[in-house]
Amino acid sequence: MLTAEEVSAFLAKDASDSLKQQAREGQRYYDGDHDIRRYRLYCRDRDGHLVEDRTRSNIRISHPFFTELVDQAVQYMLSGKDGYAFSDLPDLQKILDEAFNHNDRFNAELYEALTGCLVKGCDYMYAYRDAEDRLSFQWADSLGIIEVRARDTDDHCDYVIYWYIDRIDKDGEPIRKIQVWDSREVAFFIQEGLKAVRMDSNEPTNPRPHVLYTKGDDGDLYYGDLGFIPFFRLDLNRRRISSLTAIKGIIDDYDLMNCSLSNNLQDLAEGIYVVRNYMGDDIEDLVDSIRARKAVGVDDDGGVDIKTIDIPYEARKAKLALDEDNIYRFGMGFNSQKVGDGNITNIVIKSRYALLDLKCNKLEIQLKSFLRKIARTVLDDYNSRNDTGYQESDIYFRFERETITNALDNAQIAQYEAQARQTQVNTLLSLAERLDDETFMRSVCDVLDIDYEEIRDRLPKSDAAQLLEDEGDIEDESEAEGAAEA
């Protein structure tokens, strides 16, 4: 197990990790905290020093396109009504429904993990046994997870360090709880503010096995381990880079253009004041007098003229529209503002989902690999407890994503399909006299999407078939009577 000094060294190294810095930036933009919030305006004072200009308007509004793109992709990815884990074995399908498809708790945690994956480049879920001794899963924030390997090129992870802020003490110092996991046990550490990392003395068993519980009336203590480090990582891409990277510059430009337009409208709403022979000495006092009291003092030869300036509104509007299109284009999202333009056939709607489909197709590959690791763990646990032999190959994952459609188009398509089936049935009826009964009924069932084997015994038999069946029954009865007499 790692020592407190080693844990402290890994925490310090992780704080300056470039991937974690990008992940924190992605989380900040997902929360609507854009760089525009830190935008400042500067000017030079009388002495030529560069200082912040507090007299001009500096409106700072974030436009959370990134939040919409992430939530849109996650909702679209998990929009299927029938679930995503399937098997051709009925008994195994019931297990998958309970563990995945109809497990609201798991799906809520999966939603968080998938969101974090898009926002930060990767995210985690970890396994644990709940109060009913069932294997359960919970989302874990990748910003608080450090993977420790003997070598950076190793696929095998030796330790996982998981930390989180437990509370803020009365002096405003954060109390950080730290867990170090290996394949058999977990150790608990604590760090108070900037103090050194130390073992958590509040934990009665430290380190302790993965599973620790009491059993029986005597309260006997039992323990066990999961046999693996119970953290599963979902990657967005090979380099684990946030989806914000491709569009951050465009979002920043949109924020700047929009806020600059607001600043122009705020500052130039009443025009520029041209003051002649001002009686004061300080230009800042002049600006304050105009803004606050709408008045300014001048001498006998003085005066005030107001000059209006035309704001380049159309140019800024065109630039904002261009930025918005590029955000949805390079962010590979669906721009719902473009649907209501009068051309809303299913073909047009499907084409506008093309970029989002491409994005989710790439994400689906990573998500299937991630879920397969979890499903393998679920199957191993179920097999060991119930003495079954289900294999990972018995499971497959399928994501059916739903899109908005044109109801009129859907009705027309259904009508065309019904007419096509009617034509096929009429063709078969015209050939009924030339086909045997079984071939005819199989063909009709194929057209109507009916399982022939299920209704085979309930179909009326032809005269020849009925005669053969009756003769067979008579022969069976004769043989039975002969056997009885003998």
Foldseek 3Di string as FASTA:
>chain_A
DDALVVVVVLVVVLVPDPLLVLLVQLVCLLVQNACLVVDFDWDADPVRDIDTDPLFDRDFGADNPVNVLLVQLLCLQFVDQQWWKDFPDVVVRVVCCCQGVVPVVQVVQVSVQSSSCQRRQKWKKFWAQDPVRAIDIHTAGPSQKDFDDPDPPDPDTAKIKGKDFPDADPVRWTKMWIWIDGQFWIAIWIDTHPDGIDGDPVDPDGTFGRDWAFDDPVRDIDHTGLRGGGMFMQGLDPVSGHLCVQQSVLSVVLSVLVSVVVSCCVVQVFADKDKDAFPDDDVVVVSCCCVPVVDGDHDPPMDIDGDHDDDPVVVSVVSNVVSVVVCCVRSLHADPVPQPPPPNAQVVQVVSNVSSVVSSVSSVVSVQVRVLVVVVSNVVVVCVVPVDDDDSVSMDTDGDGDDDHDPVNVVVVVVVLVVVLVVQLVVLVVCVVVDDPVVSVVSNCVSVVHDCVVCVVVDDDDPVVVVVVVVVVVVVVVVVVVVVVD
